[in-house]
Amino acid sequence: MLAMQLLRGAVKHLGSRSPCSAEQLIPALRGLSSSSQQLSVSGRNHAASCADSDNPKILITGGLGQLGVGLAQLLRRRFGKNNVILSDIRKPPSHIYHSGPFIFSDILDSKNLRELIVNNNISWLVHYSAVLSAVGENNVALAKEVNITGLHNILDIATEHGLRVFVPSTIGAFGPSSPRDPTPDLCVQRPRTIYGVSKVHAELMGEYYHHRYGLDFRCLRYPGIISADSQPGGGTTDYAVQIFHAAVKSGHFECNLRSDTRLPMMYIDDCVRATLELMEAPADALVSRTYNIDAMSFTPRDLTQEIQKVLPDLKVTYNVDPVRQAIAEGWPMVLEDSAARRDWGWKHEYDLPELVQTMLTHINLGNQVAQAY
């Protein structure tokens, strides 16, 4: 009954959007748990793929994290499966290994990284390797090594080989002295986590390399990213993923942030689409090299109430983690993203109701597939 209710809601939502967007529902109807990563191929940046020789060859570092697999799926549909290489230092699950090229890559080993770039004729480099906010505070030495030393290797090698490079930033790049509602692209940035400090460093180093050496550096400040298929990776916004799984599995969730903690959030399909659109944007259209992007902002209470419209028996209790709460209170409540909308046409598709409907649909169907096997 729940599956049918959710699917009817998804169909109703998709029916209110462009006809091509209905393609997003096809994987769900087939019962594939990976469907949350499947994106509409409508729009100016999602035309049919050209011949492989006309397409960039793309390497994604940190590819087994929350964003790498989803971005790889989109890029492979856009540019061809063999033109997008996922990499990480961990062994991939079988379904990821068989979905397209995967190689071992350690961003702290510059010789290994250079060999991969040259041997695979890489032209775009998407750098997702990072230690996230909460984990970084528990291991500052590791965060410095991965987020700063690893970044230096990426920038140097990208410059040497004339690559187009994407490095994500984050709402964590702002701090308590930044304007919070809204937070503009350009303002005071004084983060108080090693993760945030490393991301400000990445923004400034990338822009320096662009102006000093001509590196085609591109960067987006991501909100908290929500995905049904990927497990949270140690970030402060993880609750917004965990609550959906708990709502379907047990009907109870213990939240580690206060109920009134408002943060910017985004569904993963919007996030990876924004990344592709920025990477494909003409260089002369980019007034800046680092942009805010935004979709929605909500509190744990807001999210709970929206989920309860579908699952009214959900119970949420609060056991506040002082470390994560302190981090969240120094972050933006709303990101101001008018520059991205003006310069390269950014526009989000998912608001809170659509997010909740989509997440519950995918998680419920995924559980049904798992039980069938």
Protein backbone atom coordinates (compact mmCIF):
# COMPACT_ATOMS: atom_id res chain seq x y z
CA MET A 1 0.00 0.00 0.00
CA LEU A 2 2.80 2.41 0.89
CA ALA A 3 4.60 1.73 -2.36
CA MET A 4 1.49 2.41 -4.41
CA GLN A 5 0.72 5.57 -2.45
CA LEU A 6 4.22 6.89 -2.98
CA LEU A 7 4.25 5.99 -6.66
CA ARG A 8 0.93 7.74 -7.24
CA GLY A 9 2.38 10.82 -5.59
CA ALA A 10 5.51 10.63 -7.71
CA VAL A 11 3.46 10.29 -10.88
CA LYS A 12 1.34 13.29 -9.87
CA HIS A 13 4.49 15.34 -9.21
CA LEU A 14 6.16 14.34 -12.46
CA GLY A 15 2.98 15.04 -14.37
CA SER A 16 3.19 18.67 -13.29
CA ARG A 17 6.64 19.04 -14.81
CA SER A 18 7.94 18.86 -18.36
CA PRO A 19 7.03 15.69 -20.31
CA CYS A 20 10.63 14.58 -20.56
CA SER A 21 10.93 14.54 -16.76
CA ALA A 22 8.75 11.46 -16.63
CA GLU A 23 11.88 9.51 -17.52
CA GLN A 24 12.91 9.92 -13.90
CA LEU A 25 10.14 7.54 -12.81
CA ILE A 26 11.02 4.70 -15.18
CA PRO A 27 13.80 3.19 -13.01
CA ALA A 28 11.55 3.37 -9.94
CA LEU A 29 8.76 1.54 -11.73
CA ARG A 30 11.24 -1.17 -12.62
CA GLY A 31 12.07 -1.49 -8.94
CA LEU A 32 15.70 -0.48 -9.15
CA SER A 33 17.04 0.92 -5.90
CA SER A 34 19.61 3.00 -7.76
CA SER A 35 16.92 5.08 -9.39
CA SER A 36 17.56 8.13 -7.24
CA GLN A 37 20.66 8.72 -9.29
CA GLN A 38 18.80 8.67 -12.62
CA LEU A 39 18.27 12.11 -14.04
CA SER A 40 16.08 13.58 -16.70
CA VAL A 41 17.78 13.95 -20.05
CA SER A 42 15.74 17.02 -20.87
CA GLY A 43 17.25 20.50 -21.07
CA ARG A 44 20.04 22.12 -22.97
CA ASN A 45 22.83 20.19 -21.26
CA HIS A 46 21.29 16.75 -21.70
CA ALA A 47 21.18 16.22 -25.44
CA ALA A 48 22.09 12.86 -26.93
CA SER A 49 25.75 11.92 -26.58
CA CYS A 50 28.09 12.68 -29.45
CA ALA A 51 30.74 10.38 -30.79
CA ASP A 52 33.31 9.44 -28.13
CA SER A 53 36.02 11.43 -29.90
CA ASP A 54 34.04 14.64 -29.34
CA ASN A 55 33.62 14.07 -25.61
CA PRO A 56 35.83 14.87 -22.64
CA LYS A 57 37.60 12.02 -20.83
CA ILE A 58 36.74 12.42 -17.17
CA LEU A 59 38.37 11.17 -13.95
CA ILE A 60 36.42 11.37 -10.66
CA THR A 61 38.50 11.09 -7.49
CA GLY A 62 36.84 9.93 -4.27
CA GLY A 63 34.33 8.28 -6.54
CA LEU A 64 32.78 5.93 -3.97
CA GLY A 65 31.49 8.76 -1.81
CA GLN A 66 27.96 10.13 -1.73
CA LEU A 67 28.30 12.14 -4.95
CA GLY A 68 30.77 10.29 -7.16
CA VAL A 69 28.56 7.40 -8.24
CA GLY A 70 25.59 9.64 -9.01
CA LEU A 71 27.68 12.07 -11.04
CA ALA A 72 29.32 9.19 -12.92
CA GLN A 73 25.92 7.86 -13.96
CA LEU A 74 24.90 11.24 -15.35
CA LEU A 75 28.22 11.84 -17.10
CA ARG A 76 28.24 8.36 -18.63
CA ARG A 77 24.82 8.91 -20.14
CA ARG A 78 25.95 12.28 -21.43
CA PHE A 79 29.42 11.37 -22.73
CA GLY A 80 29.52 7.56 -22.97
CA LYS A 81 30.33 4.93 -20.36
CA ASN A 82 33.99 4.50 -21.21
CA ASN A 83 34.71 8.23 -21.06
CA VAL A 84 34.07 8.48 -17.31
CA ILE A 85 36.44 6.77 -14.87
CA LEU A 86 35.56 6.43 -11.19
CA SER A 87 38.49 6.14 -8.80
CA ASP A 88 39.02 5.63 -5.09
CA ILE A 89 41.34 3.91 -2.61
CA ARG A 90 38.64 1.42 -1.63
CA LYS A 91 37.36 -1.66 -3.42
CA PRO A 92 34.05 -0.85 -5.12
CA PRO A 93 30.85 -2.86 -4.68
CA SER A 94 30.22 -5.29 -7.51
CA HIS A 95 27.42 -3.27 -9.14
CA ILE A 96 29.63 -0.18 -9.31
CA TYR A 97 32.63 -2.12 -10.61
CA HIS A 98 30.54 -3.54 -13.44
CA SER A 99 28.78 -0.26 -14.29
CA GLY A 100 31.80 1.35 -15.94
CA PRO A 101 35.57 1.95 -15.67
CA PHE A 102 36.98 1.96 -12.14
CA ILE A 103 40.61 2.32 -11.07
CA PHE A 104 42.62 2.72 -7.89
CA SER A 105 43.75 6.31 -7.35
CA ASP A 106 45.42 7.85 -4.30
CA ILE A 107 45.43 11.65 -4.49
CA LEU A 108 48.35 11.75 -2.05
CA ASP A 109 50.48 9.79 -4.56
CA SER A 110 51.23 12.39 -7.22
CA LYS A 111 53.16 9.90 -9.41
CA ASN A 112 50.19 7.52 -9.49
CA LEU A 113 47.85 10.40 -10.27
CA ARG A 114 50.03 11.69 -13.12
CA GLU A 115 50.17 8.23 -14.67
CA LEU A 116 46.39 7.95 -14.60
CA ILE A 117 45.95 11.35 -16.23
CA VAL A 118 48.43 10.60 -19.03
CA ASN A 119 47.57 6.93 -19.64
CA ASN A 120 43.84 7.65 -19.86
CA ASN A 121 44.09 10.94 -21.77
CA ILE A 122 42.05 12.75 -19.10
CA SER A 123 40.69 16.20 -19.98
CA TRP A 124 38.28 16.84 -17.05
CA LEU A 125 39.10 16.11 -13.43
CA VAL A 126 36.35 16.06 -10.77
CA HIS A 127 37.93 16.07 -7.32
CA TYR A 128 35.55 14.59 -4.74
CA SER A 129 38.13 13.13 -2.34
CA ALA A 130 37.66 14.77 1.07
CA VAL A 131 37.33 14.21 4.80
CA LEU A 132 34.00 15.75 5.84
CA SER A 133 33.12 18.08 8.71
CA ALA A 134 32.33 15.89 11.72
CA VAL A 135 34.94 13.25 10.84
CA GLY A 136 37.54 15.95 10.24
CA GLU A 137 37.12 17.39 13.73
CA ASN A 138 37.96 13.95 15.13
CA ASN A 139 41.04 13.54 12.93
CA VAL A 140 42.49 16.93 12.01
CA ALA A 141 45.79 15.48 10.78
CA LEU A 142 44.03 13.25 8.25
CA ALA A 143 41.76 16.09 7.13
CA LYS A 144 44.77 18.35 6.50
CA GLU A 145 46.55 15.67 4.53
CA VAL A 146 43.60 14.70 2.32
CA ASN A 147 41.85 18.06 1.96
CA ILE A 148 44.92 20.30 1.61
CA THR A 149 47.92 18.23 0.47
CA GLY A 150 45.72 16.18 -1.86
CA LEU A 151 44.24 19.36 -3.31
CA HIS A 152 47.72 20.72 -4.07
CA ASN A 153 48.52 17.58 -6.05
CA ILE A 154 45.27 17.94 -7.99
CA LEU A 155 45.86 21.60 -8.87
CA ASP A 156 49.49 21.07 -9.87
CA ILE A 157 48.75 18.10 -12.10
CA ALA A 158 45.67 19.74 -13.64
CA THR A 159 47.78 22.80 -14.47
CA GLU A 160 50.59 20.71 -15.95
CA HIS A 161 48.22 18.87 -18.28
CA GLY A 162 45.76 21.64 -19.13
CA LEU A 163 42.75 20.01 -17.50
CA ARG A 164 39.37 21.48 -16.65
CA VAL A 165 39.05 20.80 -12.94
CA PHE A 166 36.05 20.83 -10.61
CA VAL A 167 36.53 21.04 -6.84
CA PRO A 168 33.39 21.19 -4.69
CA SER A 169 33.14 23.60 -1.80
CA THR A 170 30.46 23.69 0.85
CA ILE A 171 28.27 25.67 3.21
CA GLY A 172 31.01 24.77 5.70
CA ALA A 173 33.28 27.32 4.03
CA PHE A 174 31.38 30.01 5.94
CA GLY A 175 31.54 30.70 9.66
CA PRO A 176 29.77 32.41 12.57
CA SER A 177 30.79 35.89 11.34
CA SER A 178 29.31 35.30 7.87
CA PRO A 179 25.81 36.59 7.06
CA ARG A 180 23.51 33.61 7.53
CA ASP A 181 20.13 34.51 6.01
CA PRO A 182 20.96 34.76 3.20
CA THR A 183 24.67 34.09 2.70
CA PRO A 184 25.98 35.79 -0.47
CA ASP A 185 28.75 34.54 -2.74
CA LEU A 186 31.17 37.16 -1.50
CA CYS A 187 31.31 37.85 2.23
CA VAL A 188 33.43 37.23 5.32
CA GLN A 189 34.50 33.57 5.53
CA ARG A 190 35.91 32.48 8.87
CA PRO A 191 34.99 28.80 9.29
CA ARG A 192 35.79 27.06 12.57
CA THR A 193 36.24 23.50 11.32
CA ILE A 194 39.25 22.04 9.53
CA TYR A 195 36.85 20.95 6.78
CA GLY A 196 35.65 24.51 6.27
CA VAL A 197 39.16 25.96 6.47
CA SER A 198 40.36 23.47 3.84
CA LYS A 199 37.47 24.38 1.54
CA VAL A 200 38.19 28.13 1.76
CA HIS A 201 41.79 27.21 0.98
CA ALA A 202 40.60 25.20 -2.05
CA GLU A 203 38.48 28.09 -3.35
CA LEU A 204 41.32 30.60 -3.05
CA MET A 205 44.03 28.30 -4.40
CA GLY A 206 41.87 27.34 -7.37
CA GLU A 207 41.15 30.97 -8.19
CA TYR A 208 44.84 31.82 -7.77
CA TYR A 209 45.85 29.04 -10.18
CA HIS A 210 43.22 30.31 -12.61
CA HIS A 211 44.50 33.88 -12.59
CA ARG A 212 48.20 33.00 -12.29
CA TYR A 213 48.47 29.98 -14.58
CA GLY A 214 45.24 29.95 -16.59
CA LEU A 215 43.87 26.79 -14.94
CA ASP A 216 40.23 26.19 -15.87
CA PHE A 217 39.11 25.85 -12.25
CA ARG A 218 35.41 25.59 -11.40
CA CYS A 219 33.80 25.30 -7.98
CA LEU A 220 30.32 25.10 -6.42
CA ARG A 221 29.45 25.59 -2.78
CA TYR A 222 27.14 22.65 -2.19
CA PRO A 223 24.37 22.70 0.44
CA GLY A 224 23.72 19.52 2.41
CA ILE A 225 23.14 16.80 -0.21
CA ILE A 226 20.39 14.21 0.22
CA SER A 227 20.44 10.85 -1.58
CA ALA A 228 18.55 7.58 -1.10
CA ASP A 229 21.31 5.32 -2.40
CA SER A 230 24.43 6.62 -0.69
CA GLN A 231 25.22 6.27 2.99
CA PRO A 232 26.10 9.47 4.87
CA GLY A 233 29.82 10.15 5.06
CA GLY A 234 30.29 11.89 8.39
CA GLY A 235 28.84 15.32 7.69
CA THR A 236 26.76 17.60 9.88
CA THR A 237 23.73 17.36 7.57
CA ASP A 238 23.68 13.53 7.67
CA TYR A 239 20.47 13.52 9.71
CA ALA A 240 18.52 14.61 6.63
CA VAL A 241 19.41 11.29 4.94
CA GLN A 242 19.22 9.04 8.00
CA ILE A 243 15.71 10.15 8.95
CA PHE A 244 14.23 8.74 5.72
CA HIS A 245 15.71 5.29 6.23
CA ALA A 246 14.60 5.26 9.87
CA ALA A 247 11.10 6.42 8.92
CA VAL A 248 10.64 3.47 6.55
CA LYS A 249 12.47 0.85 8.61
CA SER A 250 11.44 1.50 12.22
CA GLY A 251 9.21 4.56 12.39
CA HIS A 252 11.51 6.20 14.94
CA PHE A 253 14.47 8.55 14.50
CA GLU A 254 16.82 10.18 17.01
CA CYS A 255 18.11 13.49 15.62
CA ASN A 256 21.49 14.89 16.68
CA LEU A 257 20.63 18.52 15.84
CA ARG A 258 18.10 20.78 17.52
CA SER A 259 14.63 20.81 15.99
CA ASP A 260 14.96 24.47 14.90
CA THR A 261 18.36 24.19 13.17
CA ARG A 262 17.80 25.57 9.67
CA LEU A 263 20.31 24.60 6.95
CA PRO A 264 20.39 24.70 3.12
CA MET A 265 19.72 21.34 1.47
CA MET A 266 19.54 19.87 -2.03
CA TYR A 267 18.45 16.60 -3.62
CA ILE A 268 21.33 14.77 -5.29
CA ASP A 269 19.82 14.90 -8.79
CA ASP A 270 19.86 18.70 -8.66
CA CYS A 271 23.41 18.65 -7.29
CA VAL A 272 24.98 16.49 -10.00
CA ARG A 273 23.04 18.30 -12.72
CA ALA A 274 24.36 21.64 -11.44
CA THR A 275 27.89 20.23 -11.53
CA LEU A 276 27.54 19.14 -15.15
CA GLU A 277 25.97 22.44 -16.17
CA LEU A 278 28.82 24.41 -14.61
CA MET A 279 31.43 22.18 -16.26
CA GLU A 280 29.78 22.64 -19.66
CA ALA A 281 29.27 26.40 -19.29
CA PRO A 282 31.38 28.55 -21.64
CA ALA A 283 34.38 29.97 -19.81
CA ASP A 284 33.53 33.51 -20.85
CA ALA A 285 30.11 33.21 -19.16
CA LEU A 286 31.69 32.61 -15.75
CA VAL A 287 32.06 35.91 -13.97
CA SER A 288 33.32 33.99 -10.93
CA ARG A 289 35.09 30.66 -10.47
CA THR A 290 33.21 29.80 -7.25
CA TYR A 291 29.41 29.92 -6.99
CA ASN A 292 26.77 29.30 -4.34
CA ILE A 293 23.91 27.01 -5.40
CA ASP A 294 20.71 26.59 -3.42
CA ALA A 295 17.44 24.68 -3.59
CA MET A 296 15.65 24.64 -0.21
CA SER A 297 16.27 25.30 3.47
CA PHE A 298 14.56 23.48 6.32
CA THR A 299 14.85 22.45 9.96
CA PRO A 300 14.58 18.92 11.38
CA ARG A 301 11.07 19.88 12.53
CA ASP A 302 10.10 20.99 8.99
CA LEU A 303 11.41 17.74 7.51
CA THR A 304 9.68 15.62 10.12
CA GLN A 305 6.33 17.29 9.50
CA GLU A 306 6.63 16.78 5.74
CA ILE A 307 7.49 13.08 6.15
CA GLN A 308 4.58 12.67 8.57
CA LYS A 309 2.20 13.71 5.80
CA VAL A 310 3.04 10.35 4.22
CA LEU A 311 4.06 8.36 7.32
CA PRO A 312 2.02 9.85 10.17
CA ASP A 313 3.32 7.37 12.76
CA LEU A 314 6.93 8.61 12.51
CA LYS A 315 8.29 9.60 15.92
CA VAL A 316 11.36 11.85 16.21
CA THR A 317 13.32 12.46 19.40
CA TYR A 318 16.32 14.73 19.92
CA ASN A 319 19.71 13.89 21.41
CA VAL A 320 21.81 16.87 20.40
CA ASP A 321 25.47 16.27 19.54
CA PRO A 322 27.22 19.43 20.80
CA VAL A 323 30.00 19.19 18.19
CA ARG A 324 27.63 18.93 15.22
CA GLN A 325 25.26 21.51 16.68
CA ALA A 326 28.10 24.02 17.08
CA ILE A 327 29.17 23.40 13.49
CA ALA A 328 25.63 23.88 12.18
CA GLU A 329 25.14 27.12 14.07
CA GLY A 330 28.10 28.62 12.22
CA TRP A 331 26.77 27.68 8.79
CA PRO A 332 24.36 29.51 6.46
CA MET A 333 20.62 29.11 6.86
CA VAL A 334 20.00 30.13 3.23
CA LEU A 335 22.48 30.39 0.35
CA GLU A 336 22.03 33.32 -2.04
CA ASP A 337 22.66 31.95 -5.55
CA SER A 338 21.51 34.67 -7.96
CA ALA A 339 24.93 34.78 -9.67
CA ALA A 340 24.72 31.09 -10.66
CA ARG A 341 21.18 31.61 -11.95
CA ARG A 342 22.27 34.66 -13.94
CA ASP A 343 25.65 33.53 -15.32
CA TRP A 344 24.99 29.93 -16.38
CA GLY A 345 21.27 29.40 -15.92
CA TRP A 346 21.15 27.38 -12.71
CA LYS A 347 17.64 26.37 -11.63
CA HIS A 348 16.74 23.72 -9.06
CA GLU A 349 13.87 21.25 -9.60
CA TYR A 350 13.27 19.71 -6.16
CA ASP A 351 11.65 21.53 -3.24
CA LEU A 352 10.85 19.91 0.12
CA PRO A 353 7.59 18.12 -0.86
CA GLU A 354 9.18 16.66 -4.01
CA LEU A 355 12.27 15.67 -2.04
CA VAL A 356 10.25 13.75 0.57
CA GLN A 357 8.07 12.00 -2.00
CA THR A 358 11.08 10.96 -4.09
CA MET A 359 13.21 9.76 -1.18
CA LEU A 360 10.45 7.64 0.36
CA THR A 361 9.57 6.14 -3.01
CA HIS A 362 13.15 5.11 -3.73
CA ILE A 363 13.87 3.77 -0.25
CA ASN A 364 10.65 1.75 -0.11
CA LEU A 365 11.18 0.26 -3.55
CA GLY A 366 14.81 -0.47 -2.75
CA ASN A 367 13.78 -2.37 0.35
CA GLN A 368 11.27 -4.39 -1.66
CA VAL A 369 13.97 -5.37 -4.18
CA ALA A 370 16.33 -6.39 -1.36
CA GLN A 371 13.64 -8.55 0.25
CA ALA A 372 12.89 -10.23 -3.08
CA TYR A 373 16.47 -11.46 -3.22
